[in-house]
Amino acid sequence: MVKALIFDFDGTILDTEQAEYTAWTHTYARYGGELSLHDYLPWVGTADLVFDPYAHLEAQIGPYDREAFDRERREMLHGLLARLEPLPGVLECLDQARKLGLKLAVASSSSAAWVLGHLQQHDLLQAFDQVITREYVERTKPDPALFLKAAETLEVAPAECVAVEDSLNGVRAAKAAGMFTIAVPNFLTRHLDLSQADVVLPSLAELELEPFLSSLKPGRSR
């Protein structure tokens, strides 16, 4: 029996990932460099992958003023983030989950300041029973620690949870935690093979939660 939904944050609740990538690529271009999706996508959904975007640019153009670069990037990112709204279907899914009596958590590789700040800004913090961020674990996704910690704090078994993810690192983490996993790719992660998930949806707006949960068989996969 499903007792909880555990959501990724970046790219699942808010499409911060596209905003981040846009800010990086536009600032790269202003400095004469290029940050390809091929190089960027493995970085999505984890804080543990060793990738230095500043060194990556320097390898292309030589030494540059990193502080000035970052000021430009952050200014652009701030403007992009200010225009974001929750992704389609998110609010409806949270509302349906509450009506069904499910527990709700966020499990994110991002920092608490980042996740809590955005949730508060969009009046979503109160929707979740727990918010688990990278400060809670030694390793982030694709390690399952974030999802396992979320289940622990919700006081439910991993097998009683459904995880909602957008990235390959996130899907791998949720499956390794033993959770039924829904993948909802966004503008960036639609380029990834997310077939390891139990279900792949084009949008959370496609999910009718009550009949969907009722359709899950004891083996959890459909």
N, C-alpha and C. Protein backbone atom coordinates (compact mmCIF):
# COMPACT_ATOMS: atom_id res chain seq x y z
N MET A 1 0.85 -1.20 0.00
CA MET A 1 0.00 0.00 0.00
C MET A 1 0.88 1.25 0.00
N VAL A 2 0.58 2.17 -0.88
CA VAL A 2 1.36 3.40 -0.95
C VAL A 2 0.92 4.34 0.16
N LYS A 3 1.90 4.82 0.93
CA LYS A 3 1.62 5.73 2.03
C LYS A 3 2.24 7.11 1.84
N ALA A 4 3.15 7.24 0.87
CA ALA A 4 3.86 8.51 0.72
C ALA A 4 4.28 8.76 -0.71
N LEU A 5 4.34 10.03 -1.07
CA LEU A 5 4.96 10.48 -2.31
C LEU A 5 6.20 11.29 -1.96
N ILE A 6 7.29 11.01 -2.65
CA ILE A 6 8.53 11.74 -2.42
C ILE A 6 8.95 12.38 -3.74
N PHE A 7 9.01 13.70 -3.74
CA PHE A 7 9.30 14.47 -4.94
C PHE A 7 10.75 14.94 -4.96
N ASP A 8 11.37 14.83 -6.12
CA ASP A 8 12.56 15.62 -6.40
C ASP A 8 12.12 17.08 -6.45
N PHE A 9 13.09 18.01 -6.37
CA PHE A 9 12.72 19.43 -6.46
C PHE A 9 13.06 20.04 -7.81
N ASP A 10 14.35 20.18 -8.11
CA ASP A 10 14.78 20.87 -9.33
C ASP A 10 14.35 20.10 -10.57
N GLY A 11 13.56 20.74 -11.42
CA GLY A 11 13.12 20.11 -12.64
C GLY A 11 11.88 19.26 -12.49
N THR A 12 11.42 19.08 -11.25
CA THR A 12 10.22 18.28 -10.99
C THR A 12 9.11 19.16 -10.43
N ILE A 13 9.43 19.97 -9.44
CA ILE A 13 8.46 20.92 -8.88
C ILE A 13 8.57 22.26 -9.59
N LEU A 14 9.78 22.78 -9.69
CA LEU A 14 10.06 23.99 -10.47
C LEU A 14 11.13 23.65 -11.51
N ASP A 15 11.01 24.21 -12.70
CA ASP A 15 12.02 23.91 -13.72
C ASP A 15 13.22 24.83 -13.58
N THR A 16 13.84 24.76 -12.43
CA THR A 16 15.06 25.52 -12.18
C THR A 16 16.21 25.04 -13.06
N GLU A 17 16.13 23.77 -13.49
CA GLU A 17 17.23 23.22 -14.28
C GLU A 17 17.37 23.92 -15.63
N GLN A 18 16.25 24.18 -16.28
CA GLN A 18 16.34 24.90 -17.55
C GLN A 18 16.85 26.32 -17.34
N ALA A 19 16.40 26.96 -16.25
CA ALA A 19 16.88 28.31 -15.94
C ALA A 19 18.38 28.31 -15.69
N GLU A 20 18.85 27.32 -14.94
CA GLU A 20 20.28 27.21 -14.65
C GLU A 20 21.07 27.02 -15.95
N TYR A 21 20.62 26.09 -16.78
CA TYR A 21 21.35 25.81 -18.01
C TYR A 21 21.35 27.02 -18.94
N THR A 22 20.23 27.70 -19.03
CA THR A 22 20.15 28.90 -19.86
C THR A 22 21.13 29.97 -19.38
N ALA A 23 21.18 30.18 -18.07
CA ALA A 23 22.11 31.18 -17.52
C ALA A 23 23.56 30.80 -17.80
N TRP A 24 23.89 29.53 -17.63
CA TRP A 24 25.25 29.08 -17.92
C TRP A 24 25.59 29.27 -19.40
N THR A 25 24.72 28.79 -20.28
CA THR A 25 25.05 28.81 -21.71
C THR A 25 25.13 30.23 -22.26
N HIS A 26 24.23 31.10 -21.81
CA HIS A 26 24.26 32.47 -22.31
C HIS A 26 25.51 33.21 -21.82
N THR A 27 25.88 32.95 -20.57
CA THR A 27 27.08 33.62 -20.05
C THR A 27 28.33 33.04 -20.70
N TYR A 28 28.36 31.73 -20.90
CA TYR A 28 29.45 31.11 -21.66
C TYR A 28 29.60 31.80 -23.01
N ALA A 29 28.48 31.96 -23.71
CA ALA A 29 28.53 32.52 -25.06
C ALA A 29 29.07 33.95 -25.05
N ARG A 30 28.72 34.72 -24.02
CA ARG A 30 29.22 36.09 -23.92
C ARG A 30 30.74 36.12 -23.77
N TYR A 31 31.28 35.04 -23.21
CA TYR A 31 32.73 34.96 -23.02
C TYR A 31 33.42 34.19 -24.15
N GLY A 32 32.65 33.75 -25.12
CA GLY A 32 33.23 33.06 -26.26
C GLY A 32 33.37 31.57 -26.09
N GLY A 33 32.64 30.99 -25.14
CA GLY A 33 32.71 29.55 -24.91
C GLY A 33 31.39 28.87 -25.21
N GLU A 34 31.35 27.56 -24.98
CA GLU A 34 30.14 26.77 -25.22
C GLU A 34 30.02 25.69 -24.16
N LEU A 35 28.83 25.54 -23.61
CA LEU A 35 28.53 24.46 -22.66
C LEU A 35 27.44 23.60 -23.28
N SER A 36 27.82 22.44 -23.77
CA SER A 36 26.88 21.58 -24.49
C SER A 36 26.01 20.79 -23.52
N LEU A 37 24.86 20.34 -24.00
CA LEU A 37 24.01 19.46 -23.20
C LEU A 37 24.75 18.18 -22.84
N HIS A 38 25.57 17.70 -23.76
CA HIS A 38 26.34 16.47 -23.50
C HIS A 38 27.20 16.62 -22.26
N ASP A 39 27.81 17.77 -22.09
CA ASP A 39 28.65 18.01 -20.91
C ASP A 39 27.82 18.32 -19.67
N TYR A 40 26.67 18.96 -19.86
CA TYR A 40 25.88 19.45 -18.73
C TYR A 40 24.97 18.40 -18.12
N LEU A 41 24.35 17.55 -18.95
CA LEU A 41 23.32 16.64 -18.45
C LEU A 41 23.77 15.69 -17.35
N PRO A 42 25.00 15.13 -17.39
CA PRO A 42 25.40 14.26 -16.29
C PRO A 42 25.44 14.96 -14.94
N TRP A 43 25.49 16.27 -14.95
CA TRP A 43 25.54 17.09 -13.74
C TRP A 43 24.15 17.25 -13.12
N VAL A 44 23.09 17.01 -13.91
CA VAL A 44 21.72 17.26 -13.47
C VAL A 44 21.28 16.24 -12.44
N GLY A 45 20.79 16.72 -11.30
CA GLY A 45 20.23 15.84 -10.29
C GLY A 45 21.21 15.36 -9.25
N THR A 46 22.45 15.79 -9.30
CA THR A 46 23.44 15.35 -8.32
C THR A 46 24.32 16.52 -7.90
N ALA A 47 24.85 16.39 -6.69
CA ALA A 47 25.84 17.36 -6.22
C ALA A 47 27.22 16.72 -6.09
N ASP A 48 27.31 15.44 -6.47
CA ASP A 48 28.54 14.69 -6.25
C ASP A 48 29.42 14.53 -7.48
N LEU A 49 28.85 14.74 -8.66
CA LEU A 49 29.65 14.57 -9.88
C LEU A 49 30.70 15.68 -9.97
N VAL A 50 31.93 15.29 -10.24
CA VAL A 50 33.00 16.27 -10.34
C VAL A 50 32.96 16.91 -11.72
N PHE A 51 32.46 18.13 -11.78
CA PHE A 51 32.45 18.90 -13.02
C PHE A 51 32.62 20.36 -12.63
N ASP A 52 33.66 20.98 -13.13
CA ASP A 52 33.94 22.37 -12.82
C ASP A 52 33.63 23.21 -14.05
N PRO A 53 32.46 23.88 -14.08
CA PRO A 53 32.11 24.65 -15.28
C PRO A 53 33.03 25.83 -15.53
N TYR A 54 33.65 26.34 -14.48
CA TYR A 54 34.58 27.46 -14.64
C TYR A 54 35.87 26.99 -15.32
N ALA A 55 36.38 25.85 -14.88
CA ALA A 55 37.56 25.28 -15.52
C ALA A 55 37.25 24.83 -16.94
N HIS A 56 36.02 24.34 -17.15
CA HIS A 56 35.60 23.90 -18.48
C HIS A 56 35.65 25.07 -19.47
N LEU A 57 35.22 26.25 -19.01
CA LEU A 57 35.28 27.44 -19.87
C LEU A 57 36.71 27.89 -20.08
N GLU A 58 37.52 27.84 -19.02
CA GLU A 58 38.91 28.27 -19.15
C GLU A 58 39.67 27.39 -20.14
N ALA A 59 39.32 26.11 -20.19
CA ALA A 59 39.97 25.22 -21.14
C ALA A 59 39.66 25.63 -22.59
N GLN A 60 38.54 26.32 -22.77
CA GLN A 60 38.15 26.76 -24.12
C GLN A 60 38.73 28.12 -24.49
N ILE A 61 38.74 29.06 -23.52
CA ILE A 61 39.08 30.45 -23.88
C ILE A 61 40.33 30.98 -23.18
N GLY A 62 40.89 30.19 -22.25
CA GLY A 62 42.02 30.67 -21.49
C GLY A 62 41.57 31.41 -20.23
N PRO A 63 42.50 32.00 -19.48
CA PRO A 63 42.16 32.67 -18.22
C PRO A 63 41.14 33.80 -18.43
N TYR A 64 40.24 33.95 -17.46
CA TYR A 64 39.22 35.01 -17.52
C TYR A 64 38.85 35.38 -16.09
N ASP A 65 38.08 36.44 -15.94
CA ASP A 65 37.67 36.92 -14.62
C ASP A 65 36.46 36.10 -14.15
N ARG A 66 36.73 35.11 -13.30
CA ARG A 66 35.66 34.22 -12.87
C ARG A 66 34.61 34.94 -12.03
N GLU A 67 35.04 35.90 -11.22
CA GLU A 67 34.08 36.63 -10.38
C GLU A 67 33.12 37.45 -11.24
N ALA A 68 33.65 38.11 -12.26
CA ALA A 68 32.79 38.88 -13.16
C ALA A 68 31.84 37.96 -13.92
N PHE A 69 32.37 36.83 -14.38
CA PHE A 69 31.54 35.84 -15.06
C PHE A 69 30.39 35.41 -14.17
N ASP A 70 30.70 35.08 -12.92
CA ASP A 70 29.66 34.57 -12.03
C ASP A 70 28.64 35.64 -11.68
N ARG A 71 29.07 36.88 -11.58
CA ARG A 71 28.10 37.96 -11.34
C ARG A 71 27.10 38.04 -12.49
N GLU A 72 27.59 37.96 -13.71
CA GLU A 72 26.71 38.00 -14.88
C GLU A 72 25.76 36.80 -14.89
N ARG A 73 26.32 35.62 -14.62
CA ARG A 73 25.50 34.41 -14.64
C ARG A 73 24.40 34.47 -13.58
N ARG A 74 24.78 34.88 -12.37
CA ARG A 74 23.81 34.94 -11.28
C ARG A 74 22.72 35.98 -11.54
N GLU A 75 23.11 37.10 -12.13
CA GLU A 75 22.12 38.14 -12.43
C GLU A 75 21.09 37.61 -13.43
N MET A 76 21.57 36.91 -14.44
CA MET A 76 20.64 36.35 -15.42
C MET A 76 19.77 35.27 -14.79
N LEU A 77 20.39 34.40 -13.97
CA LEU A 77 19.65 33.33 -13.32
C LEU A 77 18.56 33.89 -12.42
N HIS A 78 18.88 34.94 -11.67
CA HIS A 78 17.90 35.54 -10.77
C HIS A 78 16.67 36.00 -11.55
N GLY A 79 16.89 36.62 -12.70
CA GLY A 79 15.77 37.07 -13.52
C GLY A 79 14.93 35.92 -14.05
N LEU A 80 15.59 34.84 -14.44
CA LEU A 80 14.87 33.67 -14.96
C LEU A 80 14.08 32.98 -13.86
N LEU A 81 14.67 32.83 -12.69
CA LEU A 81 13.99 32.16 -11.58
C LEU A 81 12.77 32.94 -11.11
N ALA A 82 12.85 34.26 -11.18
CA ALA A 82 11.74 35.10 -10.71
C ALA A 82 10.47 34.87 -11.52
N ARG A 83 10.62 34.34 -12.72
CA ARG A 83 9.45 34.14 -13.59
C ARG A 83 8.89 32.72 -13.53
N LEU A 84 9.52 31.85 -12.75
CA LEU A 84 9.09 30.46 -12.72
C LEU A 84 7.80 30.27 -11.93
N GLU A 85 7.02 29.30 -12.38
CA GLU A 85 5.84 28.83 -11.66
C GLU A 85 5.97 27.31 -11.52
N PRO A 86 5.27 26.70 -10.55
CA PRO A 86 5.31 25.24 -10.45
C PRO A 86 4.97 24.59 -11.79
N LEU A 87 5.63 23.50 -12.08
CA LEU A 87 5.42 22.80 -13.34
C LEU A 87 3.99 22.27 -13.44
N PRO A 88 3.49 22.06 -14.66
CA PRO A 88 2.10 21.60 -14.83
C PRO A 88 1.80 20.33 -14.04
N GLY A 89 0.68 20.36 -13.34
CA GLY A 89 0.22 19.20 -12.60
C GLY A 89 0.75 19.08 -11.19
N VAL A 90 1.75 19.87 -10.82
CA VAL A 90 2.35 19.74 -9.49
C VAL A 90 1.34 20.08 -8.40
N LEU A 91 0.70 21.23 -8.51
CA LEU A 91 -0.24 21.65 -7.46
C LEU A 91 -1.41 20.68 -7.35
N GLU A 92 -1.90 20.22 -8.50
CA GLU A 92 -3.02 19.28 -8.49
C GLU A 92 -2.61 17.95 -7.86
N CYS A 93 -1.40 17.50 -8.15
CA CYS A 93 -0.92 16.23 -7.58
C CYS A 93 -0.78 16.34 -6.07
N LEU A 94 -0.24 17.45 -5.59
CA LEU A 94 -0.12 17.65 -4.15
C LEU A 94 -1.48 17.67 -3.48
N ASP A 95 -2.44 18.34 -4.11
CA ASP A 95 -3.79 18.42 -3.56
C ASP A 95 -4.44 17.03 -3.52
N GLN A 96 -4.30 16.27 -4.59
CA GLN A 96 -4.86 14.91 -4.62
C GLN A 96 -4.22 14.04 -3.55
N ALA A 97 -2.91 14.16 -3.38
CA ALA A 97 -2.20 13.35 -2.38
C ALA A 97 -2.70 13.66 -0.98
N ARG A 98 -2.89 14.93 -0.68
CA ARG A 98 -3.39 15.31 0.64
C ARG A 98 -4.79 14.74 0.88
N LYS A 99 -5.65 14.81 -0.12
CA LYS A 99 -7.01 14.29 0.02
C LYS A 99 -7.01 12.78 0.24
N LEU A 100 -6.00 12.11 -0.29
CA LEU A 100 -5.88 10.66 -0.11
C LEU A 100 -5.17 10.28 1.19
N GLY A 101 -4.72 11.29 1.94
CA GLY A 101 -4.06 11.03 3.21
C GLY A 101 -2.63 10.57 3.09
N LEU A 102 -1.99 10.85 1.95
CA LEU A 102 -0.60 10.45 1.76
C LEU A 102 0.34 11.43 2.44
N LYS A 103 1.46 10.92 2.92
CA LYS A 103 2.53 11.78 3.41
C LYS A 103 3.33 12.29 2.22
N LEU A 104 3.92 13.47 2.39
CA LEU A 104 4.63 14.11 1.28
C LEU A 104 6.00 14.60 1.73
N ALA A 105 6.99 14.38 0.87
CA ALA A 105 8.35 14.85 1.16
C ALA A 105 9.03 15.30 -0.12
N VAL A 106 10.06 16.11 0.06
CA VAL A 106 10.99 16.46 -1.00
C VAL A 106 12.32 15.79 -0.68
N ALA A 107 12.96 15.22 -1.69
CA ALA A 107 14.31 14.66 -1.55
C ALA A 107 15.16 15.25 -2.66
N SER A 108 16.05 16.17 -2.30
CA SER A 108 16.79 16.94 -3.31
C SER A 108 18.28 16.94 -3.06
N SER A 109 19.05 16.85 -4.13
CA SER A 109 20.51 16.96 -4.05
C SER A 109 20.96 18.40 -3.85
N SER A 110 20.05 19.35 -3.95
CA SER A 110 20.39 20.76 -3.76
C SER A 110 20.47 21.11 -2.28
N SER A 111 20.89 22.35 -2.01
CA SER A 111 21.05 22.79 -0.62
C SER A 111 19.71 23.14 0.00
N ALA A 112 19.66 23.13 1.33
CA ALA A 112 18.45 23.51 2.04
C ALA A 112 18.06 24.95 1.73
N ALA A 113 19.05 25.84 1.68
CA ALA A 113 18.75 27.25 1.40
C ALA A 113 18.06 27.41 0.05
N TRP A 114 18.53 26.68 -0.94
CA TRP A 114 17.97 26.75 -2.29
C TRP A 114 16.54 26.20 -2.31
N VAL A 115 16.36 24.99 -1.79
CA VAL A 115 15.06 24.32 -1.87
C VAL A 115 14.03 25.02 -0.99
N LEU A 116 14.37 25.27 0.27
CA LEU A 116 13.43 25.90 1.18
C LEU A 116 13.06 27.30 0.71
N GLY A 117 14.04 28.03 0.19
CA GLY A 117 13.78 29.37 -0.30
C GLY A 117 12.75 29.39 -1.42
N HIS A 118 12.92 28.49 -2.38
CA HIS A 118 11.97 28.44 -3.50
C HIS A 118 10.60 27.93 -3.06
N LEU A 119 10.58 26.94 -2.19
CA LEU A 119 9.29 26.44 -1.70
C LEU A 119 8.53 27.53 -0.95
N GLN A 120 9.24 28.28 -0.13
CA GLN A 120 8.60 29.38 0.60
C GLN A 120 8.10 30.45 -0.36
N GLN A 121 8.90 30.78 -1.34
CA GLN A 121 8.53 31.82 -2.30
C GLN A 121 7.24 31.48 -3.02
N HIS A 122 7.02 30.20 -3.27
CA HIS A 122 5.84 29.76 -4.01
C HIS A 122 4.75 29.20 -3.09
N ASP A 123 4.87 29.46 -1.79
CA ASP A 123 3.88 29.00 -0.81
C ASP A 123 3.65 27.49 -0.87
N LEU A 124 4.72 26.75 -1.05
CA LEU A 124 4.64 25.29 -1.15
C LEU A 124 5.25 24.57 0.05
N LEU A 125 5.96 25.28 0.89
CA LEU A 125 6.67 24.60 1.97
C LEU A 125 5.70 23.86 2.88
N GLN A 126 4.56 24.47 3.15
CA GLN A 126 3.61 23.86 4.07
C GLN A 126 2.95 22.61 3.48
N ALA A 127 3.12 22.38 2.18
CA ALA A 127 2.52 21.21 1.55
C ALA A 127 3.26 19.92 1.91
N PHE A 128 4.50 20.05 2.38
CA PHE A 128 5.34 18.86 2.60
C PHE A 128 5.56 18.60 4.08
N ASP A 129 5.53 17.31 4.42
CA ASP A 129 5.80 16.90 5.80
C ASP A 129 7.29 16.96 6.10
N GLN A 130 8.12 16.68 5.10
CA GLN A 130 9.57 16.69 5.28
C GLN A 130 10.24 17.23 4.02
N VAL A 131 11.34 17.93 4.21
CA VAL A 131 12.18 18.37 3.09
C VAL A 131 13.60 17.92 3.38
N ILE A 132 14.07 16.98 2.60
CA ILE A 132 15.40 16.38 2.80
C ILE A 132 16.33 16.88 1.71
N THR A 133 17.42 17.51 2.11
CA THR A 133 18.37 18.09 1.17
C THR A 133 19.76 17.50 1.40
N ARG A 134 20.71 17.95 0.62
CA ARG A 134 22.04 17.32 0.62
C ARG A 134 22.73 17.38 1.97
N GLU A 135 22.33 18.32 2.83
CA GLU A 135 22.96 18.42 4.15
C GLU A 135 22.67 17.21 5.03
N TYR A 136 21.65 16.43 4.69
CA TYR A 136 21.24 15.30 5.51
C TYR A 136 22.03 14.02 5.23
N VAL A 137 22.77 13.99 4.13
CA VAL A 137 23.39 12.74 3.70
C VAL A 137 24.85 12.96 3.31
N GLU A 138 25.60 11.88 3.26
CA GLU A 138 26.99 11.95 2.84
C GLU A 138 27.12 11.97 1.32
N ARG A 139 26.18 11.30 0.64
CA ARG A 139 26.23 11.24 -0.82
C ARG A 139 24.85 11.56 -1.39
N THR A 140 24.83 12.32 -2.47
CA THR A 140 23.57 12.66 -3.11
C THR A 140 23.28 11.68 -4.25
N LYS A 141 22.21 11.94 -4.97
CA LYS A 141 21.82 11.07 -6.09
C LYS A 141 22.96 10.97 -7.11
N PRO A 142 23.17 9.81 -7.68
CA PRO A 142 22.31 8.63 -7.76
C PRO A 142 22.36 7.68 -6.56
N ASP A 143 23.10 8.02 -5.52
CA ASP A 143 23.05 7.23 -4.29
C ASP A 143 21.63 7.32 -3.72
N PRO A 144 21.10 6.25 -3.15
CA PRO A 144 19.71 6.27 -2.65
C PRO A 144 19.52 6.96 -1.31
N ALA A 145 20.59 7.48 -0.71
CA ALA A 145 20.52 7.98 0.67
C ALA A 145 19.44 9.03 0.89
N LEU A 146 19.26 9.95 -0.06
CA LEU A 146 18.25 11.00 0.11
C LEU A 146 16.85 10.41 0.19
N PHE A 147 16.55 9.46 -0.67
CA PHE A 147 15.22 8.85 -0.64
C PHE A 147 15.02 7.99 0.60
N LEU A 148 16.05 7.27 1.00
CA LEU A 148 15.95 6.46 2.21
C LEU A 148 15.76 7.34 3.44
N LYS A 149 16.46 8.47 3.48
CA LYS A 149 16.31 9.40 4.60
C LYS A 149 14.90 9.99 4.62
N ALA A 150 14.37 10.30 3.46
CA ALA A 150 13.01 10.84 3.39
C ALA A 150 12.00 9.83 3.91
N ALA A 151 12.14 8.57 3.50
CA ALA A 151 11.22 7.53 3.99
C ALA A 151 11.35 7.37 5.50
N GLU A 152 12.58 7.40 5.98
CA GLU A 152 12.81 7.26 7.43
C GLU A 152 12.13 8.39 8.21
N THR A 153 12.29 9.61 7.75
CA THR A 153 11.70 10.74 8.48
C THR A 153 10.18 10.76 8.37
N LEU A 154 9.64 10.20 7.30
CA LEU A 154 8.19 10.08 7.17
C LEU A 154 7.64 8.90 7.95
N GLU A 155 8.55 8.03 8.42
CA GLU A 155 8.19 6.82 9.17
C GLU A 155 7.37 5.86 8.30
N VAL A 156 7.84 5.67 7.08
CA VAL A 156 7.25 4.70 6.17
C VAL A 156 8.37 3.87 5.55
N ALA A 157 8.04 2.69 5.09
CA ALA A 157 9.03 1.84 4.42
C ALA A 157 9.25 2.34 3.00
N PRO A 158 10.46 2.19 2.46
CA PRO A 158 10.70 2.60 1.07
C PRO A 158 9.71 1.98 0.08
N ALA A 159 9.33 0.73 0.32
CA ALA A 159 8.39 0.06 -0.58
C ALA A 159 6.99 0.65 -0.52
N GLU A 160 6.74 1.48 0.48
CA GLU A 160 5.44 2.15 0.62
C GLU A 160 5.45 3.55 0.01
N CYS A 161 6.53 3.88 -0.69
CA CYS A 161 6.69 5.21 -1.27
C CYS A 161 6.67 5.16 -2.79
N VAL A 162 6.16 6.22 -3.38
CA VAL A 162 6.30 6.47 -4.82
C VAL A 162 7.16 7.71 -4.98
N ALA A 163 8.22 7.59 -5.76
CA ALA A 163 9.12 8.71 -6.01
C ALA A 163 8.77 9.35 -7.35
N VAL A 164 8.87 10.68 -7.39
CA VAL A 164 8.62 11.43 -8.62
C VAL A 164 9.90 12.17 -8.97
N GLU A 165 10.44 11.88 -10.15
CA GLU A 165 11.75 12.37 -10.55
C GLU A 165 11.74 12.88 -11.98
N ASP A 166 12.79 13.61 -12.33
CA ASP A 166 12.93 14.08 -13.71
C ASP A 166 14.25 13.68 -14.34
N SER A 167 15.24 13.28 -13.54
CA SER A 167 16.59 13.06 -14.05
C SER A 167 17.01 11.60 -13.94
N LEU A 168 18.02 11.22 -14.71
CA LEU A 168 18.54 9.86 -14.65
C LEU A 168 19.17 9.59 -13.29
N ASN A 169 19.92 10.55 -12.76
CA ASN A 169 20.50 10.37 -11.43
C ASN A 169 19.41 10.15 -10.39
N GLY A 170 18.32 10.89 -10.50
CA GLY A 170 17.23 10.75 -9.55
C GLY A 170 16.50 9.43 -9.68
N VAL A 171 16.24 9.01 -10.91
CA VAL A 171 15.57 7.73 -11.14
C VAL A 171 16.42 6.59 -10.58
N ARG A 172 17.71 6.63 -10.84
CA ARG A 172 18.59 5.58 -10.32
C ARG A 172 18.57 5.55 -8.79
N ALA A 173 18.55 6.73 -8.18
CA ALA A 173 18.53 6.80 -6.71
C ALA A 173 17.24 6.22 -6.15
N ALA A 174 16.12 6.59 -6.75
CA ALA A 174 14.83 6.12 -6.25
C ALA A 174 14.69 4.61 -6.42
N LYS A 175 15.11 4.09 -7.56
CA LYS A 175 15.03 2.64 -7.77
C LYS A 175 15.96 1.89 -6.83
N ALA A 176 17.15 2.45 -6.59
CA ALA A 176 18.08 1.81 -5.65
C ALA A 176 17.53 1.82 -4.23
N ALA A 177 16.67 2.79 -3.93
CA ALA A 177 16.03 2.85 -2.61
C ALA A 177 14.87 1.87 -2.50
N GLY A 178 14.49 1.25 -3.60
CA GLY A 178 13.39 0.29 -3.57
C GLY A 178 12.02 0.91 -3.73
N MET A 179 11.96 2.06 -4.38
CA MET A 179 10.69 2.78 -4.53
C MET A 179 10.15 2.68 -5.95
N PHE A 180 8.83 2.58 -6.06
CA PHE A 180 8.18 2.73 -7.35
C PHE A 180 8.48 4.14 -7.84
N THR A 181 8.86 4.27 -9.10
CA THR A 181 9.38 5.55 -9.58
C THR A 181 8.64 6.04 -10.82
N ILE A 182 8.16 7.27 -10.73
CA ILE A 182 7.55 7.96 -11.86
C ILE A 182 8.56 8.98 -12.38
N ALA A 183 8.87 8.91 -13.65
CA ALA A 183 9.76 9.91 -14.26
C ALA A 183 8.92 10.88 -15.08
N VAL A 184 9.17 12.16 -14.86
CA VAL A 184 8.48 13.22 -15.61
C VAL A 184 9.57 14.12 -16.20
N PRO A 185 10.08 13.79 -17.37
CA PRO A 185 11.18 14.58 -17.93
C PRO A 185 10.76 16.00 -18.27
N ASN A 186 11.73 16.91 -18.17
CA ASN A 186 11.49 18.30 -18.51
C ASN A 186 12.24 18.66 -19.79
N PHE A 187 12.35 19.95 -20.07
CA PHE A 187 12.98 20.41 -21.31
C PHE A 187 14.39 19.85 -21.48
N LEU A 188 15.14 19.77 -20.40
CA LEU A 188 16.51 19.24 -20.48
C LEU A 188 16.54 17.73 -20.44
N THR A 189 15.85 17.14 -19.45
CA THR A 189 16.02 15.71 -19.19
C THR A 189 15.24 14.83 -20.15
N ARG A 190 14.43 15.43 -21.02
CA ARG A 190 13.78 14.62 -22.06
C ARG A 190 14.80 14.03 -23.02
N HIS A 191 16.03 14.54 -22.97
CA HIS A 191 17.10 14.02 -23.82
C HIS A 191 17.75 12.77 -23.21
N LEU A 192 17.36 12.42 -21.99
CA LEU A 192 17.95 11.27 -21.30
C LEU A 192 17.06 10.04 -21.44
N ASP A 193 17.67 8.87 -21.34
CA ASP A 193 16.93 7.62 -21.31
C ASP A 193 16.48 7.35 -19.88
N LEU A 194 15.20 7.55 -19.61
CA LEU A 194 14.65 7.37 -18.27
C LEU A 194 13.85 6.08 -18.15
N SER A 195 14.14 5.12 -19.01
CA SER A 195 13.35 3.89 -19.05
C SER A 195 13.53 3.02 -17.81
N GLN A 196 14.50 3.34 -16.96
CA GLN A 196 14.63 2.60 -15.70
C GLN A 196 13.47 2.88 -14.76
N ALA A 197 12.77 4.00 -14.97
CA ALA A 197 11.61 4.32 -14.15
C ALA A 197 10.49 3.32 -14.44
N ASP A 198 9.59 3.15 -13.47
CA ASP A 198 8.45 2.25 -13.67
C ASP A 198 7.43 2.84 -14.63
N VAL A 199 7.30 4.16 -14.59
CA VAL A 199 6.37 4.87 -15.47
C VAL A 199 7.05 6.16 -15.91
N VAL A 200 6.90 6.52 -17.18
CA VAL A 200 7.38 7.81 -17.68
C VAL A 200 6.17 8.58 -18.20
N LEU A 201 5.97 9.79 -17.66
CA LEU A 201 4.85 10.63 -18.05
C LEU A 201 5.37 11.92 -18.69
N PRO A 202 4.66 12.45 -19.68
CA PRO A 202 5.09 13.72 -20.27
C PRO A 202 4.90 14.90 -19.34
N SER A 203 3.98 14.75 -18.37
CA SER A 203 3.67 15.84 -17.43
C SER A 203 2.92 15.26 -16.25
N LEU A 204 3.07 15.86 -15.08
CA LEU A 204 2.27 15.44 -13.93
C LEU A 204 0.80 15.75 -14.14
N ALA A 205 0.49 16.63 -15.07
CA ALA A 205 -0.91 16.91 -15.39
C ALA A 205 -1.60 15.68 -15.96
N GLU A 206 -0.82 14.69 -16.42
CA GLU A 206 -1.37 13.45 -16.96
C GLU A 206 -1.74 12.46 -15.87
N LEU A 207 -1.38 12.74 -14.63
CA LEU A 207 -1.53 11.77 -13.55
C LEU A 207 -2.81 12.00 -12.77
N GLU A 208 -3.70 11.01 -12.81
CA GLU A 208 -4.86 10.96 -11.92
C GLU A 208 -4.46 10.05 -10.77
N LEU A 209 -4.13 10.64 -9.65
CA LEU A 209 -3.42 9.92 -8.61
C LEU A 209 -4.20 8.74 -8.03
N GLU A 210 -5.46 8.94 -7.69
CA GLU A 210 -6.21 7.86 -7.02
C GLU A 210 -6.35 6.62 -7.89
N PRO A 211 -6.82 6.72 -9.14
CA PRO A 211 -6.88 5.51 -9.96
C PRO A 211 -5.51 4.94 -10.29
N PHE A 212 -4.52 5.81 -10.40
CA PHE A 212 -3.17 5.32 -10.66
C PHE A 212 -2.67 4.46 -9.52
N LEU A 213 -2.81 4.93 -8.29
CA LEU A 213 -2.35 4.17 -7.14
C LEU A 213 -3.16 2.89 -6.98
N SER A 214 -4.44 2.94 -7.29
CA SER A 214 -5.28 1.75 -7.19
C SER A 214 -4.86 0.69 -8.19
N SER A 215 -4.24 1.11 -9.29
CA SER A 215 -3.85 0.17 -10.34
C SER A 215 -2.54 -0.54 -10.04
N LEU A 216 -1.81 -0.06 -9.04
CA LEU A 216 -0.52 -0.69 -8.73
C LEU A 216 -0.73 -2.06 -8.14
N LYS A 217 0.00 -3.02 -8.67
CA LYS A 217 -0.12 -4.40 -8.20
C LYS A 217 0.88 -4.64 -7.07
N PRO A 218 0.73 -5.76 -6.34
CA PRO A 218 1.64 -6.03 -5.22
C PRO A 218 3.11 -5.97 -5.59
N GLY A 219 3.48 -6.32 -6.83
CA GLY A 219 4.87 -6.25 -7.25
C GLY A 219 5.36 -4.85 -7.50
N ARG A 220 4.43 -3.90 -7.45
CA ARG A 220 4.71 -2.47 -7.55
C ARG A 220 4.89 -1.98 -8.97
N SER A 221 5.47 -2.76 -9.88
CA SER A 221 5.59 -2.33 -11.26
C SER A 221 4.30 -2.67 -12.00
N ARG A 222 3.97 -1.86 -13.00
CA ARG A 222 2.74 -2.13 -13.73
C ARG A 222 3.06 -2.84 -15.04
